[in-house]
Amino acid sequence: MSLASFYNPGSDAVIYPAPALVEKEAEEKNKQVYPKFVFEDYMKLYAELKFQAKEPRFEAMKVMEATAPIATA
C-alpha cells in the first residue's frame, strides 16, 4: 500500500529562494532577483496561471512584484 503525503508552509508564511542559492545572481544584478511571496497569495496566482504558456506566467509574476511589495521578511 502507498500513501501520498503533502507538506506545505502555513498560508501566511513568506516564501522565497534560499539566499545561498541566488546570491551570485543577486550580486551581479545588484538587487533581489526573485520576489518574496506570502504562500497563500502565491498559490492563488499559480492556480490562475498554471495552464497558460510560461512567458505570460513569468510576466504576471513580474507585474505582481512591480505593482506592490508581496511580502517582507
N, C-alpha and C. Protein backbone atom coordinates (compact mmCIF):
# COMPACT_ATOMS: atom_id res chain seq x y z
N MET A 1 0.84 -1.16 0.00
CA MET A 1 0.00 0.00 0.00
C MET A 1 0.90 1.24 0.00
N SER A 2 0.48 2.26 -0.74
CA SER A 2 1.19 3.53 -0.80
C SER A 2 0.31 4.61 -0.19
N LEU A 3 0.96 5.58 0.38
CA LEU A 3 0.25 6.70 0.98
C LEU A 3 0.92 7.98 0.52
N ALA A 4 0.15 8.85 -0.10
CA ALA A 4 0.68 10.14 -0.54
C ALA A 4 0.53 11.14 0.61
N SER A 5 1.55 11.92 0.78
CA SER A 5 1.54 12.92 1.84
C SER A 5 2.09 14.22 1.27
N PHE A 6 1.47 15.32 1.63
CA PHE A 6 1.90 16.62 1.13
C PHE A 6 2.21 17.54 2.30
N TYR A 7 3.22 18.33 2.14
CA TYR A 7 3.60 19.27 3.19
C TYR A 7 3.77 20.64 2.55
N ASN A 8 3.08 21.61 3.06
CA ASN A 8 3.19 22.99 2.59
C ASN A 8 3.38 23.89 3.80
N PRO A 9 3.98 25.04 3.58
CA PRO A 9 4.07 26.01 4.68
C PRO A 9 2.69 26.55 5.02
N GLY A 10 2.58 27.23 6.15
CA GLY A 10 1.33 27.87 6.52
C GLY A 10 0.94 28.91 5.47
N SER A 11 -0.34 29.21 5.37
CA SER A 11 -0.82 30.13 4.33
C SER A 11 -0.25 31.53 4.49
N ASP A 12 0.17 31.91 5.70
CA ASP A 12 0.72 33.25 5.92
C ASP A 12 2.26 33.26 5.90
N ALA A 13 2.88 32.14 5.56
CA ALA A 13 4.34 32.07 5.51
C ALA A 13 4.89 32.84 4.32
N VAL A 14 6.01 33.50 4.54
CA VAL A 14 6.70 34.21 3.46
C VAL A 14 7.68 33.22 2.84
N ILE A 15 7.56 33.03 1.53
CA ILE A 15 8.42 32.07 0.83
C ILE A 15 9.31 32.79 -0.18
N TYR A 16 10.52 32.27 -0.33
CA TYR A 16 11.49 32.81 -1.28
C TYR A 16 12.64 31.83 -1.39
N PRO A 17 13.46 31.94 -2.45
CA PRO A 17 14.58 31.01 -2.61
C PRO A 17 15.60 31.19 -1.49
N ALA A 18 16.31 30.13 -1.19
CA ALA A 18 17.38 30.21 -0.21
C ALA A 18 18.43 31.20 -0.70
N PRO A 19 18.80 32.19 0.12
CA PRO A 19 19.76 33.21 -0.33
C PRO A 19 21.06 32.62 -0.88
N ALA A 20 21.55 31.55 -0.30
CA ALA A 20 22.80 30.95 -0.77
C ALA A 20 22.68 30.45 -2.21
N LEU A 21 21.48 30.13 -2.64
CA LEU A 21 21.30 29.62 -4.00
C LEU A 21 21.21 30.72 -5.05
N VAL A 22 20.90 31.93 -4.64
CA VAL A 22 20.71 33.01 -5.62
C VAL A 22 21.61 34.22 -5.36
N GLU A 23 22.50 34.15 -4.37
CA GLU A 23 23.29 35.33 -4.02
C GLU A 23 24.22 35.78 -5.14
N LYS A 24 24.81 34.86 -5.90
CA LYS A 24 25.69 35.26 -7.00
C LYS A 24 24.93 36.05 -8.05
N GLU A 25 23.76 35.56 -8.43
CA GLU A 25 22.93 36.26 -9.42
C GLU A 25 22.47 37.61 -8.88
N ALA A 26 22.12 37.67 -7.60
CA ALA A 26 21.67 38.92 -7.00
C ALA A 26 22.81 39.94 -6.96
N GLU A 27 24.02 39.48 -6.65
CA GLU A 27 25.17 40.39 -6.63
C GLU A 27 25.45 40.94 -8.02
N GLU A 28 25.35 40.09 -9.03
CA GLU A 28 25.61 40.53 -10.40
C GLU A 28 24.60 41.59 -10.83
N LYS A 29 23.36 41.44 -10.43
CA LYS A 29 22.32 42.38 -10.82
C LYS A 29 22.13 43.48 -9.79
N ASN A 30 22.81 43.36 -8.65
CA ASN A 30 22.76 44.34 -7.57
C ASN A 30 21.34 44.59 -7.07
N LYS A 31 20.55 43.54 -7.00
CA LYS A 31 19.19 43.64 -6.48
C LYS A 31 18.66 42.25 -6.16
N GLN A 32 17.52 42.22 -5.50
CA GLN A 32 16.86 40.94 -5.25
C GLN A 32 16.33 40.40 -6.57
N VAL A 33 16.70 39.19 -6.91
CA VAL A 33 16.36 38.61 -8.21
C VAL A 33 14.96 38.01 -8.21
N TYR A 34 14.60 37.35 -7.14
CA TYR A 34 13.31 36.68 -7.06
C TYR A 34 12.47 37.32 -5.96
N PRO A 35 11.19 37.55 -6.21
CA PRO A 35 10.36 38.19 -5.19
C PRO A 35 10.02 37.25 -4.05
N LYS A 36 9.68 37.85 -2.93
CA LYS A 36 9.15 37.09 -1.80
C LYS A 36 7.64 37.09 -1.94
N PHE A 37 7.02 35.99 -1.56
CA PHE A 37 5.57 35.86 -1.64
C PHE A 37 5.02 35.35 -0.33
N VAL A 38 3.81 35.77 -0.01
CA VAL A 38 3.04 35.10 1.03
C VAL A 38 2.51 33.85 0.35
N PHE A 39 2.67 32.70 0.99
CA PHE A 39 2.36 31.42 0.35
C PHE A 39 0.95 31.38 -0.23
N GLU A 40 -0.04 31.85 0.51
CA GLU A 40 -1.42 31.81 0.03
C GLU A 40 -1.59 32.66 -1.23
N ASP A 41 -0.97 33.84 -1.26
CA ASP A 41 -1.06 34.70 -2.45
C ASP A 41 -0.39 34.04 -3.65
N TYR A 42 0.75 33.40 -3.41
CA TYR A 42 1.44 32.71 -4.49
C TYR A 42 0.58 31.58 -5.06
N MET A 43 -0.04 30.80 -4.19
CA MET A 43 -0.86 29.68 -4.65
C MET A 43 -2.08 30.16 -5.43
N LYS A 44 -2.67 31.28 -5.02
CA LYS A 44 -3.81 31.83 -5.77
C LYS A 44 -3.36 32.25 -7.16
N LEU A 45 -2.24 32.94 -7.24
CA LEU A 45 -1.71 33.37 -8.53
C LEU A 45 -1.34 32.16 -9.39
N TYR A 46 -0.70 31.19 -8.78
CA TYR A 46 -0.33 29.97 -9.51
C TYR A 46 -1.56 29.26 -10.07
N ALA A 47 -2.60 29.15 -9.27
CA ALA A 47 -3.82 28.47 -9.72
C ALA A 47 -4.46 29.19 -10.91
N GLU A 48 -4.37 30.51 -10.92
CA GLU A 48 -4.94 31.28 -12.03
C GLU A 48 -4.12 31.13 -13.31
N LEU A 49 -2.81 30.93 -13.17
CA LEU A 49 -1.92 30.99 -14.33
C LEU A 49 -1.33 29.66 -14.77
N LYS A 50 -1.55 28.58 -14.03
CA LYS A 50 -0.80 27.35 -14.28
C LYS A 50 -1.01 26.72 -15.64
N PHE A 51 -2.13 26.97 -16.30
CA PHE A 51 -2.36 26.35 -17.60
C PHE A 51 -2.04 27.29 -18.76
N GLN A 52 -1.49 28.45 -18.47
CA GLN A 52 -1.08 29.37 -19.53
C GLN A 52 0.35 29.04 -19.96
N ALA A 53 0.74 29.61 -21.09
CA ALA A 53 2.13 29.44 -21.54
C ALA A 53 3.07 30.04 -20.50
N LYS A 54 4.31 29.59 -20.49
CA LYS A 54 5.26 30.03 -19.45
C LYS A 54 5.53 31.52 -19.49
N GLU A 55 5.77 32.08 -20.65
CA GLU A 55 6.13 33.50 -20.72
C GLU A 55 5.08 34.40 -20.07
N PRO A 56 3.78 34.25 -20.38
CA PRO A 56 2.79 35.09 -19.70
C PRO A 56 2.79 34.90 -18.18
N ARG A 57 3.07 33.69 -17.72
CA ARG A 57 3.12 33.46 -16.27
C ARG A 57 4.26 34.25 -15.66
N PHE A 58 5.43 34.21 -16.30
CA PHE A 58 6.57 34.95 -15.78
C PHE A 58 6.29 36.44 -15.77
N GLU A 59 5.66 36.93 -16.83
CA GLU A 59 5.32 38.35 -16.89
C GLU A 59 4.33 38.72 -15.79
N ALA A 60 3.37 37.87 -15.51
CA ALA A 60 2.40 38.14 -14.45
C ALA A 60 3.09 38.24 -13.10
N MET A 61 4.07 37.38 -12.86
CA MET A 61 4.82 37.44 -11.61
C MET A 61 5.60 38.75 -11.52
N LYS A 62 6.21 39.16 -12.63
CA LYS A 62 6.96 40.41 -12.64
C LYS A 62 6.05 41.59 -12.37
N VAL A 63 4.88 41.61 -13.00
CA VAL A 63 3.92 42.70 -12.79
C VAL A 63 3.47 42.73 -11.35
N MET A 64 3.18 41.57 -10.79
CA MET A 64 2.74 41.50 -9.41
C MET A 64 3.82 42.03 -8.48
N GLU A 65 5.07 41.71 -8.77
CA GLU A 65 6.18 42.18 -7.95
C GLU A 65 6.34 43.70 -8.08
N ALA A 66 6.17 44.22 -9.29
CA ALA A 66 6.40 45.64 -9.55
C ALA A 66 5.29 46.53 -9.00
N THR A 67 4.07 46.03 -8.93
CA THR A 67 2.95 46.88 -8.52
C THR A 67 2.87 47.07 -7.02
N ALA A 68 3.28 46.09 -6.25
CA ALA A 68 3.23 46.20 -4.80
C ALA A 68 4.15 45.17 -4.19
N PRO A 69 4.77 45.52 -3.06
CA PRO A 69 5.60 44.51 -2.40
C PRO A 69 4.72 43.33 -1.99
N ILE A 70 5.17 42.15 -2.26
CA ILE A 70 4.40 40.94 -1.94
C ILE A 70 4.49 40.66 -0.45
N ALA A 71 5.68 40.67 0.07
CA ALA A 71 5.87 40.34 1.48
C ALA A 71 7.20 40.90 1.95
N THR A 72 7.34 41.00 3.23
CA THR A 72 8.62 41.42 3.79
C THR A 72 9.05 40.41 4.82
N ALA A 73 10.31 40.12 4.80
CA ALA A 73 10.88 39.19 5.80
C ALA A 73 12.38 39.33 5.79
